[in-house]
Amino acid sequence: MISFAVLLPILMILIALGVNSVKMFIAKAKLSDVSAEVGLIVSAHSSVSDKGQFPPELESLVTHYVKNFFPEASKTPEVVIDFSQVSTDSTSNAEYMTYHPSIKVELPFPFYHATLSEGAKNFTISATPLTVKKQVSRPVDILFIVDFSTSQKGKKIRILKEVFQDLTNFILNSNPQSKIGILPFSTGVAVKYPETNQRGGPKAGCSVLFVPKKEWAIDYAFWGDKYVNKKYTKLTDQTYYIDEFRRKYYLERVGKSRPALSVDVLNKQWCRKNDVWGTNVGQTQYSCFDHRFKISDLDGSLVAKDDIHTQRAQRIIEQQYAMALKVRERQRTTLTIEHDDAIDYEATLNQMFGEEAIITFPMLWAEREDYSYRVYNKMCHNTGWWGKDGQLTDARLYSWLIELTNNANELHQFQDMQPQGWTSTASGLVRSVPVMMKGTNPRKIFVVMSDGDDSSFPAKVTDRYLKQYNLCEKIRSGILERSQTHTDRVDIYYVSTTNSSKRVNYWKDYCTGQGNAAKAVNRQEIVSLIKGYLSDEIGNFSQ
């Protein structure tokens, strides 16, 4: 029989061996959990754009994190992170990177004896390699083309403002490099000129994009604020009455905006006194114009761009007056200069990716439909007008184009906008293309939002663009073909904010394709629908 004195040392060694083994197993299991957490820490604190860099401060963070779980470690833990190459999935518009954390920790044995550990006082454990995958959405360019016709007033515009508040925050928080643009349209898109008006307030304009046929090809920007009347056929008469109505505008609008200017001050600041005047010489006693901006005249001399008595201006009046009158009269019926008879569709589709076909003309701050001052008086009522929306000094535009931006303050200006006017949806979509072309993010998204059908004559243009000329496919393919946009994917969505299955089906069939047109009539429905459209842009961490 073996004596207890002999068994006791063996028993003690077995107990020590068991305790040491349990310690090693527990430490190994704990390290596996810690390794997974370290992978997520690295994923959360690094960027795919870092392209596999492991910043020293991050290395220090994870090393201290591991050490906190193993305070008894005999030396500083070794933490190595292997980064994969960045890969891109254009279908989901995401970039991927994987992280492989490798951790070694040296710990002391609870019981040390040379026979138990071959003389080693410490043991080393390492985590089984695992993979943490980081998926991050690449930034997107999103352009909202929003119906700003009169029917959107009241509850509808309040809902839209709440929607855009939510969506702006959601999109920019998901990826701060994403950019959002807002294009409010009626018959034409309201814009702000970069310069102020004569009294320091915002200068309003109306913008469309189309190439006119030859018989409608006039200098629209020039004629946008010129008085025309079929009674006048002689050049001197035509010029005289343009001059006279400009003089009236300066007296009644520029001069009377607060603080009011005396006639003497107005004349000195904005008008030129002529030595001779009358219908026979084509000018009034005082010719008033904005002298701040200069251009070269036909003889090379530097002249005020707004002066109608330059050689250049006189030639335009002589050559285009009758055509300008025809344009004005037609838009009083069609509600826009961009009507079916005037548009060269093929040329427009070819030129819509640049700015050469953009037509922007001034909307003088006068009464809403006063064609003495607002020649195209049915267009862009969503700019606002005199009196109701301030004078020139404090003019308050109803709405204006917001170019692609990630500046939240600029985007929140939408909260100050109001709708007014008719509806021409395809016109808004076409005008949005050069806005989107300025974006450089890999996915581009057009979201068309409307509460109703187009007005009668604009509806013909929308029908022609979508059915005959396949506008939406031309937009998608045209952007993808132009390498300067760095684009992998283009989508067009249509949202009806009223219950109109007919209109939704129309846009599905002739523009967006299956699944990209829908109706949503309240705030939550609209937000959820658009977030659903954007869902594959918004990134997450996944293990």
Protein backbone atom coordinates (compact mmCIF):
# COMPACT_ATOMS: atom_id res chain seq x y z
CA MET A 1 0.00 0.00 0.00
CA ILE A 2 1.36 3.40 -1.06
CA SER A 3 1.72 5.69 1.87
CA PHE A 4 -0.09 9.02 2.07
CA ALA A 5 3.27 10.75 2.32
CA VAL A 6 4.09 9.53 -1.18
CA LEU A 7 0.64 10.35 -2.65
CA LEU A 8 0.42 13.84 -1.25
CA PRO A 9 3.06 15.44 -3.54
CA ILE A 10 1.55 13.69 -6.56
CA LEU A 11 -1.92 14.88 -5.58
CA MET A 12 -0.66 18.43 -5.12
CA ILE A 13 0.97 18.36 -8.55
CA LEU A 14 -2.24 17.10 -10.17
CA ILE A 15 -4.30 19.79 -8.45
CA ALA A 16 -1.81 22.47 -9.54
CA LEU A 17 -1.83 21.11 -13.08
CA GLY A 18 -5.63 21.19 -13.11
CA VAL A 19 -5.79 24.74 -11.81
CA ASN A 20 -3.20 25.89 -14.35
CA SER A 21 -5.11 24.19 -17.17
CA VAL A 22 -8.42 25.73 -16.12
CA LYS A 23 -6.71 29.12 -15.96
CA MET A 24 -5.42 28.64 -19.51
CA PHE A 25 -8.84 27.58 -20.85
CA ILE A 26 -10.64 30.48 -19.16
CA ALA A 27 -8.05 32.97 -20.42
CA LYS A 28 -8.31 31.54 -23.93
CA ALA A 29 -12.11 31.89 -23.95
CA LYS A 30 -11.95 35.41 -22.55
CA LEU A 31 -9.39 36.42 -25.17
CA SER A 32 -11.66 35.20 -27.97
CA ASP A 33 -14.40 37.52 -26.75
CA VAL A 34 -11.96 40.39 -26.32
CA SER A 35 -10.60 39.80 -29.83
CA ALA A 36 -14.09 40.15 -31.33
CA GLU A 37 -14.65 43.36 -29.39
CA VAL A 38 -11.29 44.71 -30.53
CA GLY A 39 -12.26 44.03 -34.13
CA LEU A 40 -15.43 46.05 -33.72
CA ILE A 41 -13.53 48.85 -31.98
CA VAL A 42 -11.13 49.08 -34.89
CA SER A 43 -14.01 48.96 -37.36
CA ALA A 44 -15.89 51.72 -35.57
CA HIS A 45 -12.88 54.01 -35.15
CA SER A 46 -11.34 53.68 -38.58
CA SER A 47 -12.48 54.53 -42.07
CA VAL A 48 -12.51 52.51 -45.23
CA SER A 49 -10.86 55.54 -46.77
CA ASP A 50 -7.87 54.99 -44.44
CA LYS A 51 -6.98 52.11 -46.79
CA GLY A 52 -5.65 49.90 -44.01
CA GLN A 53 -3.76 52.37 -41.88
CA PHE A 54 -3.60 51.60 -38.14
CA PRO A 55 -3.18 54.96 -36.38
CA PRO A 56 -0.89 54.91 -33.30
CA GLU A 57 -3.62 56.34 -31.08
CA LEU A 58 -5.96 53.51 -32.11
CA GLU A 59 -3.25 50.93 -31.46
CA SER A 60 -2.75 52.39 -27.98
CA LEU A 61 -6.51 52.33 -27.35
CA VAL A 62 -6.99 48.65 -28.17
CA THR A 63 -3.81 47.63 -26.32
CA HIS A 64 -5.04 49.29 -23.14
CA TYR A 65 -8.46 47.77 -23.71
CA VAL A 66 -6.98 44.25 -23.81
CA LYS A 67 -4.80 44.95 -20.78
CA ASN A 68 -7.86 45.96 -18.74
CA PHE A 69 -9.20 42.42 -19.17
CA PHE A 70 -5.87 40.88 -18.21
CA PRO A 71 -4.42 43.10 -15.48
CA GLU A 72 -2.21 40.24 -14.29
CA ALA A 73 -0.39 40.03 -17.67
CA SER A 74 3.34 39.82 -17.20
CA LYS A 75 3.99 42.19 -20.13
CA THR A 76 2.10 44.45 -22.53
CA PRO A 77 -0.26 42.49 -24.81
CA GLU A 78 0.67 42.24 -28.48
CA VAL A 79 -2.11 43.46 -30.77
CA VAL A 80 -1.78 43.19 -34.55
CA ILE A 81 -4.56 44.08 -36.98
CA ASP A 82 -4.36 42.86 -40.56
CA PHE A 83 -6.41 44.97 -42.99
CA SER A 84 -7.73 43.60 -46.24
CA GLN A 85 -7.79 45.51 -49.48
CA VAL A 86 -10.81 47.73 -50.03
CA SER A 87 -13.39 46.20 -52.34
CA THR A 88 -16.36 47.89 -53.96
CA ASP A 89 -19.81 46.58 -54.72
CA SER A 90 -21.43 48.99 -57.18
CA THR A 91 -24.77 47.20 -56.92
CA SER A 92 -25.16 48.11 -53.26
CA ASN A 93 -23.05 51.26 -53.59
CA ALA A 94 -20.85 50.14 -50.70
CA GLU A 95 -17.18 49.68 -49.93
CA TYR A 96 -15.98 46.78 -47.84
CA MET A 97 -12.90 46.15 -45.72
CA THR A 98 -12.19 43.22 -43.40
CA TYR A 99 -10.16 43.31 -40.20
CA HIS A 100 -8.28 40.33 -38.73
CA PRO A 101 -7.34 41.00 -35.10
CA SER A 102 -4.42 38.94 -33.78
CA ILE A 103 -3.74 39.19 -30.02
CA LYS A 104 -1.13 37.54 -27.80
CA VAL A 105 -1.15 37.80 -24.01
CA GLU A 106 1.43 36.40 -21.59
CA LEU A 107 0.02 35.43 -18.17
CA PRO A 108 1.60 33.91 -15.05
CA PHE A 109 0.74 30.38 -13.99
CA PRO A 110 -1.29 30.31 -10.75
CA PHE A 111 1.03 27.56 -9.49
CA TYR A 112 4.62 27.48 -10.61
CA HIS A 113 6.90 24.51 -10.44
CA ALA A 114 9.63 23.61 -12.86
CA THR A 115 8.21 20.13 -13.40
CA LEU A 116 4.78 21.53 -14.31
CA SER A 117 5.83 24.00 -17.02
CA GLU A 118 9.29 22.97 -18.04
CA GLY A 119 10.72 25.89 -16.15
CA ALA A 120 8.38 28.58 -17.61
CA LYS A 121 6.71 30.88 -15.11
CA ASN A 122 4.29 32.29 -17.71
CA PHE A 123 2.13 30.96 -20.51
CA THR A 124 1.09 32.69 -23.76
CA ILE A 125 -2.38 32.60 -25.28
CA SER A 126 -3.50 33.90 -28.67
CA ALA A 127 -6.96 34.45 -30.11
CA THR A 128 -8.22 32.29 -32.93
CA PRO A 129 -8.19 34.56 -36.01
CA LEU A 130 -11.60 35.97 -36.84
CA THR A 131 -12.86 38.40 -39.45
CA VAL A 132 -14.75 41.60 -38.85
CA LYS A 133 -16.20 43.11 -42.03
CA LYS A 134 -16.89 46.80 -42.26
CA GLN A 135 -19.44 47.92 -44.85
CA VAL A 136 -19.72 51.63 -45.43
CA SER A 137 -21.98 53.35 -47.91
CA ARG A 138 -20.22 55.48 -50.42
CA PRO A 139 -21.57 59.02 -50.58
CA VAL A 140 -24.43 59.69 -52.97
CA ASP A 141 -25.78 62.70 -54.84
CA ILE A 142 -29.53 63.07 -54.28
CA LEU A 143 -31.63 65.63 -56.12
CA PHE A 144 -35.25 66.25 -55.18
CA ILE A 145 -37.31 67.69 -58.05
CA VAL A 146 -40.34 69.04 -56.21
CA ASP A 147 -43.66 70.23 -57.62
CA PHE A 148 -44.11 73.76 -56.26
CA SER A 149 -47.42 74.58 -57.92
CA THR A 150 -50.24 76.39 -56.11
CA SER A 151 -51.98 73.11 -55.22
CA GLN A 152 -49.16 72.33 -52.78
CA LYS A 153 -50.16 75.16 -50.47
CA GLY A 154 -51.35 74.58 -46.91
CA LYS A 155 -51.13 71.12 -45.38
CA LYS A 156 -49.17 69.63 -48.29
CA ILE A 157 -46.24 72.05 -48.04
CA ARG A 158 -46.18 71.64 -44.24
CA ILE A 159 -45.83 67.89 -44.71
CA LEU A 160 -43.10 68.37 -47.33
CA LYS A 161 -41.14 70.60 -44.97
CA GLU A 162 -41.32 67.99 -42.21
CA VAL A 163 -40.27 65.32 -44.71
CA PHE A 164 -37.23 67.28 -45.86
CA GLN A 165 -36.22 68.05 -42.29
CA ASP A 166 -36.17 64.32 -41.53
CA LEU A 167 -34.52 63.27 -44.79
CA THR A 168 -31.79 65.90 -44.70
CA ASN A 169 -30.72 64.82 -41.22
CA PHE A 170 -30.99 61.13 -42.10
CA ILE A 171 -28.95 61.35 -45.30
CA LEU A 172 -26.17 63.58 -43.97
CA ASN A 173 -25.85 61.64 -40.71
CA SER A 174 -25.54 58.41 -42.69
CA ASN A 175 -22.70 59.80 -44.79
CA PRO A 176 -21.58 63.43 -44.37
CA GLN A 177 -20.04 63.39 -47.85
CA SER A 178 -23.40 62.79 -49.50
CA LYS A 179 -24.87 65.83 -51.21
CA ILE A 180 -28.48 66.91 -51.54
CA GLY A 181 -30.07 69.33 -53.97
CA ILE A 182 -33.61 70.70 -54.09
CA LEU A 183 -35.17 71.91 -57.33
CA PRO A 184 -38.64 73.44 -56.81
CA PHE A 185 -40.45 73.77 -60.14
CA SER A 186 -43.68 75.22 -61.49
CA THR A 187 -43.54 76.29 -65.14
CA GLY A 188 -39.85 77.02 -64.81
CA VAL A 189 -37.47 76.78 -61.88
CA ALA A 190 -37.12 79.77 -59.57
CA VAL A 191 -33.49 80.79 -59.01
CA LYS A 192 -31.50 83.42 -57.18
CA TYR A 193 -28.92 85.30 -59.21
CA PRO A 194 -25.49 85.53 -57.58
CA GLU A 195 -25.81 89.33 -57.59
CA THR A 196 -28.36 91.40 -55.66
CA ASN A 197 -31.08 93.55 -57.16
CA GLN A 198 -30.66 97.33 -57.40
CA ARG A 199 -31.66 97.87 -53.76
CA GLY A 200 -29.60 95.07 -52.21
CA GLY A 201 -32.22 92.34 -51.91
CA PRO A 202 -32.14 89.00 -53.74
CA LYS A 203 -32.46 89.12 -57.52
CA ALA A 204 -35.07 86.65 -58.77
CA GLY A 205 -34.84 84.65 -61.96
CA CYS A 206 -36.67 81.92 -63.84
CA SER A 207 -34.73 79.06 -65.41
CA VAL A 208 -35.49 76.32 -67.93
CA LEU A 209 -33.39 74.12 -70.18
CA PHE A 210 -34.25 73.59 -73.81
CA VAL A 211 -32.94 74.28 -77.30
CA PRO A 212 -35.54 76.33 -79.18
CA LYS A 213 -36.39 75.69 -82.79
CA LYS A 214 -35.22 78.37 -85.19
CA GLU A 215 -38.52 80.26 -85.30
CA TRP A 216 -38.52 80.49 -81.49
CA ALA A 217 -34.80 81.16 -81.03
CA ILE A 218 -34.52 84.56 -79.37
CA ASP A 219 -32.28 85.92 -76.62
CA TYR A 220 -34.67 84.99 -73.81
CA ALA A 221 -32.49 86.49 -71.08
CA PHE A 222 -32.46 89.83 -72.92
CA TRP A 223 -36.21 89.92 -73.55
CA GLY A 224 -37.23 88.66 -70.10
CA ASP A 225 -37.60 92.20 -68.71
CA LYS A 226 -38.39 94.20 -71.88
CA TYR A 227 -41.79 95.65 -72.73
CA VAL A 228 -43.15 94.61 -76.13
CA ASN A 229 -46.37 95.63 -77.89
CA LYS A 230 -47.72 94.76 -81.31
CA LYS A 231 -48.59 98.43 -81.92
CA TYR A 232 -44.95 99.32 -82.40
CA THR A 233 -43.30 98.34 -85.66
CA LYS A 234 -40.62 101.04 -86.07
CA LEU A 235 -37.32 100.48 -84.27
CA THR A 236 -37.41 103.95 -82.69
CA ASP A 237 -40.90 103.35 -81.31
CA GLN A 238 -39.97 99.91 -80.03
CA THR A 239 -36.87 101.22 -78.30
CA TYR A 240 -38.65 104.29 -76.91
CA TYR A 241 -41.38 102.29 -75.16
CA ILE A 242 -38.93 99.75 -73.80
CA ASP A 243 -37.05 102.73 -72.37
CA GLU A 244 -40.24 104.31 -71.02
CA PHE A 245 -41.40 101.22 -69.15
CA ARG A 246 -37.94 100.70 -67.71
CA ARG A 247 -38.05 104.31 -66.48
CA LYS A 248 -41.44 103.60 -64.85
CA TYR A 249 -40.04 100.50 -63.17
CA TYR A 250 -37.16 102.45 -61.68
CA LEU A 251 -39.47 105.23 -60.47
CA GLU A 252 -42.21 102.96 -59.09
CA ARG A 253 -40.22 99.97 -57.87
CA VAL A 254 -36.53 100.77 -57.43
CA GLY A 255 -37.07 104.30 -56.13
CA LYS A 256 -40.03 103.51 -53.88
CA SER A 257 -38.46 100.51 -52.15
CA ARG A 258 -37.65 101.43 -48.57
CA PRO A 259 -35.86 103.58 -47.74
CA ALA A 260 -37.30 105.51 -50.69
CA LEU A 261 -34.96 107.39 -53.03
CA SER A 262 -35.69 110.88 -54.23
CA VAL A 263 -36.00 111.28 -57.99
CA ASP A 264 -32.74 113.22 -58.05
CA VAL A 265 -30.89 110.47 -56.19
CA LEU A 266 -32.49 107.79 -58.39
CA ASN A 267 -31.47 109.64 -61.54
CA LYS A 268 -27.93 110.05 -60.29
CA GLN A 269 -27.50 106.43 -59.22
CA TRP A 270 -29.36 104.49 -61.90
CA CYS A 271 -30.26 106.67 -64.89
CA ARG A 272 -28.58 108.57 -67.72
CA LYS A 273 -29.96 111.93 -68.84
CA ASN A 274 -30.23 112.14 -72.62
CA ASP A 275 -29.66 115.38 -74.54
CA VAL A 276 -32.49 114.56 -76.94
CA TRP A 277 -35.49 112.35 -76.39
CA GLY A 278 -38.78 111.29 -77.94
CA THR A 279 -40.24 108.53 -80.09
CA ASN A 280 -38.43 109.85 -83.13
CA VAL A 281 -35.03 109.21 -81.51
CA GLY A 282 -36.03 106.07 -79.59
CA GLN A 283 -35.28 107.18 -76.04
CA THR A 284 -36.83 108.95 -73.06
CA GLN A 285 -35.31 111.88 -71.19
CA TYR A 286 -33.83 109.47 -68.65
CA SER A 287 -32.67 106.00 -69.66
CA CYS A 288 -32.47 103.80 -66.56
CA PHE A 289 -30.52 100.55 -66.34
CA ASP A 290 -28.27 98.49 -64.09
CA HIS A 291 -24.77 99.77 -64.79
CA ARG A 292 -22.93 97.33 -62.49
CA PHE A 293 -22.16 94.69 -65.10
CA LYS A 294 -20.17 95.31 -68.28
CA ILE A 295 -19.79 93.52 -71.61
CA SER A 296 -18.03 94.25 -74.88
CA ASP A 297 -20.15 95.95 -77.51
CA LEU A 298 -20.00 95.11 -81.21
CA ASP A 299 -17.17 97.59 -81.71
CA GLY A 300 -15.20 96.22 -78.76
CA SER A 301 -16.00 99.06 -76.38
CA LEU A 302 -16.96 98.26 -72.78
CA VAL A 303 -20.63 99.03 -72.11
CA ALA A 304 -23.28 98.29 -69.49
CA LYS A 305 -24.88 94.93 -70.24
CA ASP A 306 -28.31 96.27 -69.28
CA ASP A 307 -28.19 99.39 -71.47
CA ILE A 308 -30.67 99.04 -74.38
CA HIS A 309 -28.96 101.75 -76.44
CA THR A 310 -25.75 99.86 -77.17
CA GLN A 311 -25.04 98.57 -80.65
CA ARG A 312 -25.54 95.01 -79.47
CA ALA A 313 -28.91 95.73 -77.82
CA GLN A 314 -30.18 97.75 -80.78
CA ARG A 315 -29.37 94.89 -83.15
CA ILE A 316 -31.24 92.39 -80.95
CA ILE A 317 -34.29 94.65 -80.80
CA GLU A 318 -34.28 95.21 -84.53
CA GLN A 319 -33.89 91.53 -85.40
CA GLN A 320 -35.98 89.85 -82.69
CA TYR A 321 -38.78 92.21 -81.60
CA ALA A 322 -41.51 90.52 -83.62
CA MET A 323 -40.35 87.06 -82.52
CA ALA A 324 -40.19 88.19 -78.87
CA LEU A 325 -43.78 89.39 -79.14
CA LYS A 326 -44.84 86.02 -80.57
CA VAL A 327 -43.07 84.21 -77.71
CA ARG A 328 -44.81 86.35 -75.11
CA GLU A 329 -48.24 85.87 -76.62
CA ARG A 330 -47.84 82.11 -76.94
CA GLN A 331 -46.73 81.61 -73.34
CA ARG A 332 -49.88 83.36 -72.15
CA THR A 333 -51.70 80.28 -73.50
CA THR A 334 -49.09 77.56 -72.97
CA LEU A 335 -48.05 78.92 -69.52
CA THR A 336 -44.40 78.60 -70.51
CA ILE A 337 -41.91 79.46 -73.23
CA GLU A 338 -40.98 75.77 -73.21
CA HIS A 339 -43.90 74.42 -75.22
CA ASP A 340 -44.20 71.63 -77.75
CA ASP A 341 -43.90 73.84 -80.84
CA ALA A 342 -40.79 75.60 -79.52
CA ILE A 343 -38.63 72.70 -78.31
CA ASP A 344 -36.02 71.01 -80.48
CA TYR A 345 -36.20 67.77 -78.51
CA GLU A 346 -33.23 66.00 -80.08
CA ALA A 347 -30.92 68.98 -79.59
CA THR A 348 -32.16 69.45 -76.03
CA LEU A 349 -31.46 65.83 -75.11
CA ASN A 350 -27.94 66.15 -76.49
CA GLN A 351 -27.21 69.38 -74.64
CA MET A 352 -28.94 68.83 -71.30
CA PHE A 353 -25.78 67.47 -69.64
CA GLY A 354 -24.09 70.87 -69.76
CA GLU A 355 -25.10 74.46 -69.16
CA GLU A 356 -25.11 75.79 -72.73
CA ALA A 357 -28.85 75.16 -73.19
CA ILE A 358 -29.92 76.69 -69.86
CA ILE A 359 -32.14 79.74 -70.31
CA THR A 360 -32.39 82.00 -67.27
CA PHE A 361 -34.16 85.34 -67.43
CA PRO A 362 -34.83 87.98 -64.76
CA MET A 363 -38.16 88.14 -62.94
CA LEU A 364 -38.54 91.83 -62.19
CA TRP A 365 -39.96 92.44 -58.72
CA ALA A 366 -43.39 93.56 -59.92
CA GLU A 367 -46.96 92.28 -59.67
CA ARG A 368 -47.28 88.56 -60.31
CA GLU A 369 -48.62 88.69 -63.89
CA ASP A 370 -47.79 92.24 -64.98
CA TYR A 371 -46.43 91.54 -68.46
CA SER A 372 -45.31 95.15 -68.82
CA TYR A 373 -42.42 94.11 -66.57
CA ARG A 374 -42.66 90.33 -66.44
CA VAL A 375 -42.80 89.52 -70.12
CA TYR A 376 -43.20 85.77 -69.55
CA ASN A 377 -45.89 86.46 -66.99
CA LYS A 378 -47.25 82.92 -66.61
CA MET A 379 -43.91 81.47 -65.60
CA CYS A 380 -42.17 80.99 -62.25
CA HIS A 381 -44.85 82.43 -60.01
CA ASN A 382 -42.92 80.53 -57.33
CA THR A 383 -40.39 83.36 -57.24
CA GLY A 384 -42.82 85.67 -55.41
CA TRP A 385 -43.72 89.22 -56.38
CA TRP A 386 -43.92 92.88 -55.38
CA GLY A 387 -45.84 94.02 -52.31
CA LYS A 388 -47.11 90.71 -50.98
CA ASP A 389 -43.59 89.39 -50.63
CA GLY A 390 -41.65 92.55 -49.90
CA GLN A 391 -40.11 95.33 -51.93
CA LEU A 392 -36.74 95.15 -53.65
CA THR A 393 -34.90 95.88 -50.42
CA ASP A 394 -36.48 93.01 -48.50
CA ALA A 395 -37.75 90.83 -51.36
CA ARG A 396 -38.68 87.37 -50.13
CA LEU A 397 -38.49 84.77 -52.85
CA TYR A 398 -41.09 82.02 -52.56
CA SER A 399 -38.58 79.38 -53.60
CA TRP A 400 -35.26 78.90 -55.33
CA LEU A 401 -32.95 76.20 -56.60
CA ILE A 402 -30.56 74.76 -54.00
CA GLU A 403 -27.58 73.20 -55.76
CA LEU A 404 -26.02 69.95 -54.50
CA THR A 405 -24.57 70.57 -51.05
CA ASN A 406 -23.90 68.88 -47.71
CA ASN A 407 -24.35 72.15 -45.84
CA ALA A 408 -27.31 71.45 -43.56
CA ASN A 409 -27.98 75.14 -42.94
CA GLU A 410 -28.34 75.77 -46.65
CA LEU A 411 -30.64 72.79 -47.08
CA HIS A 412 -32.81 73.87 -44.16
CA GLN A 413 -33.65 77.04 -46.12
CA PHE A 414 -36.31 74.84 -47.70
CA GLN A 415 -38.30 75.46 -44.52
CA ASP A 416 -38.76 79.10 -45.62
CA MET A 417 -40.11 78.31 -49.10
CA GLN A 418 -43.68 78.51 -50.41
CA PRO A 419 -45.31 77.10 -53.57
CA GLN A 420 -47.11 79.04 -56.31
CA GLY A 421 -47.75 78.52 -60.01
CA TRP A 422 -48.53 75.90 -62.63
CA THR A 423 -46.99 72.44 -63.13
CA SER A 424 -44.49 71.23 -65.73
CA THR A 425 -42.79 68.10 -64.42
CA ALA A 426 -40.59 67.08 -67.35
CA SER A 427 -39.31 70.65 -67.53
CA GLY A 428 -38.17 70.37 -63.91
CA LEU A 429 -36.54 66.99 -64.55
CA VAL A 430 -34.66 68.22 -67.63
CA ARG A 431 -33.47 71.35 -65.79
CA SER A 432 -32.18 69.15 -62.96
CA VAL A 433 -29.71 67.26 -65.16
CA PRO A 434 -26.89 69.88 -65.25
CA VAL A 435 -27.38 70.34 -61.51
CA MET A 436 -26.74 66.63 -60.99
CA MET A 437 -23.80 66.71 -63.39
CA LYS A 438 -21.89 68.83 -60.87
CA GLY A 439 -21.95 65.94 -58.40
CA THR A 440 -19.00 63.56 -58.18
CA ASN A 441 -20.35 60.83 -55.91
CA PRO A 442 -20.68 57.31 -57.36
CA ARG A 443 -24.44 56.97 -57.16
CA LYS A 444 -26.89 59.59 -58.37
CA ILE A 445 -30.54 59.64 -57.37
CA PHE A 446 -33.33 61.76 -58.84
CA VAL A 447 -36.51 61.87 -56.75
CA VAL A 448 -39.44 63.51 -58.57
CA MET A 449 -42.25 64.52 -56.18
CA SER A 450 -45.64 65.82 -57.33
CA ASP A 451 -49.18 66.10 -56.01
CA GLY A 452 -50.99 66.17 -59.35
CA ASP A 453 -51.00 66.11 -63.12
CA ASP A 454 -49.18 68.64 -65.26
CA SER A 455 -51.01 71.70 -66.52
CA SER A 456 -52.55 71.19 -69.97
CA PHE A 457 -49.86 72.42 -72.39
CA PRO A 458 -46.90 71.32 -70.21
CA ALA A 459 -48.50 67.86 -70.08
CA LYS A 460 -47.96 67.57 -73.84
CA VAL A 461 -44.26 68.27 -73.35
CA THR A 462 -43.95 65.72 -70.54
CA ASP A 463 -45.75 63.14 -72.67
CA ARG A 464 -43.47 63.82 -75.62
CA TYR A 465 -40.29 63.60 -73.53
CA LEU A 466 -41.22 60.41 -71.71
CA LYS A 467 -43.01 58.43 -74.40
CA GLN A 468 -41.40 59.47 -77.67
CA TYR A 469 -37.92 60.52 -76.59
CA ASN A 470 -37.35 58.14 -73.65
CA LEU A 471 -36.08 60.99 -71.47
CA CYS A 472 -35.36 59.03 -68.32
CA GLU A 473 -33.23 56.40 -70.03
CA LYS A 474 -31.36 59.18 -71.85
CA ILE A 475 -30.59 60.76 -68.48
CA ARG A 476 -29.40 57.50 -66.93
CA SER A 477 -27.21 56.41 -69.83
CA GLY A 478 -25.91 59.91 -70.52
CA ILE A 479 -24.62 60.40 -66.98
CA LEU A 480 -23.02 56.95 -66.90
CA GLU A 481 -21.27 57.58 -70.21
CA ARG A 482 -19.61 60.78 -68.97
CA SER A 483 -16.55 59.81 -66.98
CA GLN A 484 -16.21 63.19 -65.28
CA THR A 485 -19.18 62.35 -63.06
CA HIS A 486 -17.45 59.26 -61.55
CA THR A 487 -20.84 57.54 -61.59
CA ASP A 488 -21.54 53.81 -61.17
CA ARG A 489 -25.31 53.93 -60.88
CA VAL A 490 -28.19 56.31 -61.66
CA ASP A 491 -31.76 55.89 -60.40
CA ILE A 492 -34.90 57.94 -60.99
CA TYR A 493 -37.81 57.64 -58.56
CA TYR A 494 -41.29 59.14 -58.68
CA VAL A 495 -43.36 59.87 -55.57
CA SER A 496 -47.00 60.89 -55.84
CA THR A 497 -48.05 62.72 -52.68
CA THR A 498 -51.72 62.13 -53.52
CA ASN A 499 -53.62 58.91 -54.21
CA SER A 500 -53.17 58.66 -57.96
CA SER A 501 -52.43 55.15 -59.15
CA LYS A 502 -52.86 56.33 -62.73
CA ARG A 503 -50.05 58.86 -62.45
CA VAL A 504 -47.80 56.43 -60.59
CA ASN A 505 -48.30 53.80 -63.29
CA TYR A 506 -47.61 56.40 -65.99
CA TRP A 507 -44.21 57.27 -64.49
CA LYS A 508 -43.44 53.61 -63.81
CA ASP A 509 -44.16 52.66 -67.42
CA TYR A 510 -42.41 55.57 -69.13
CA CYS A 511 -39.63 56.60 -66.76
CA THR A 512 -38.67 54.91 -63.50
CA GLY A 513 -39.28 51.24 -64.16
CA GLN A 514 -40.87 48.68 -61.85
CA GLY A 515 -40.64 49.40 -58.13
CA ASN A 516 -39.40 52.96 -58.47
CA ALA A 517 -42.72 54.82 -58.55
CA ALA A 518 -45.17 54.89 -55.67
CA LYS A 519 -47.69 57.01 -53.80
CA ALA A 520 -47.29 58.27 -50.25
CA VAL A 521 -49.72 60.79 -48.81
CA ASN A 522 -48.54 61.56 -45.28
CA ARG A 523 -45.27 62.42 -43.63
CA GLN A 524 -44.43 58.96 -42.32
CA GLU A 525 -45.33 57.24 -45.60
CA ILE A 526 -43.22 59.66 -47.63
CA VAL A 527 -40.22 59.44 -45.29
CA SER A 528 -40.39 55.64 -45.11
CA LEU A 529 -40.78 55.32 -48.87
CA ILE A 530 -37.78 57.51 -49.67
CA LYS A 531 -35.66 55.93 -46.94
CA GLY A 532 -36.51 52.61 -48.54
CA TYR A 533 -35.25 53.91 -51.87
CA LEU A 534 -32.03 54.97 -50.15
CA SER A 535 -31.64 51.91 -47.92
CA ASP A 536 -28.78 50.38 -49.85
CA GLU A 537 -26.81 53.61 -49.53
CA ILE A 538 -26.86 53.66 -45.74
CA GLY A 539 -23.99 51.62 -44.27
CA ASN A 540 -23.63 49.43 -41.18
CA PHE A 541 -21.00 47.48 -39.36
CA SER A 542 -21.36 43.73 -39.62
CA GLN A 543 -19.39 40.93 -38.04
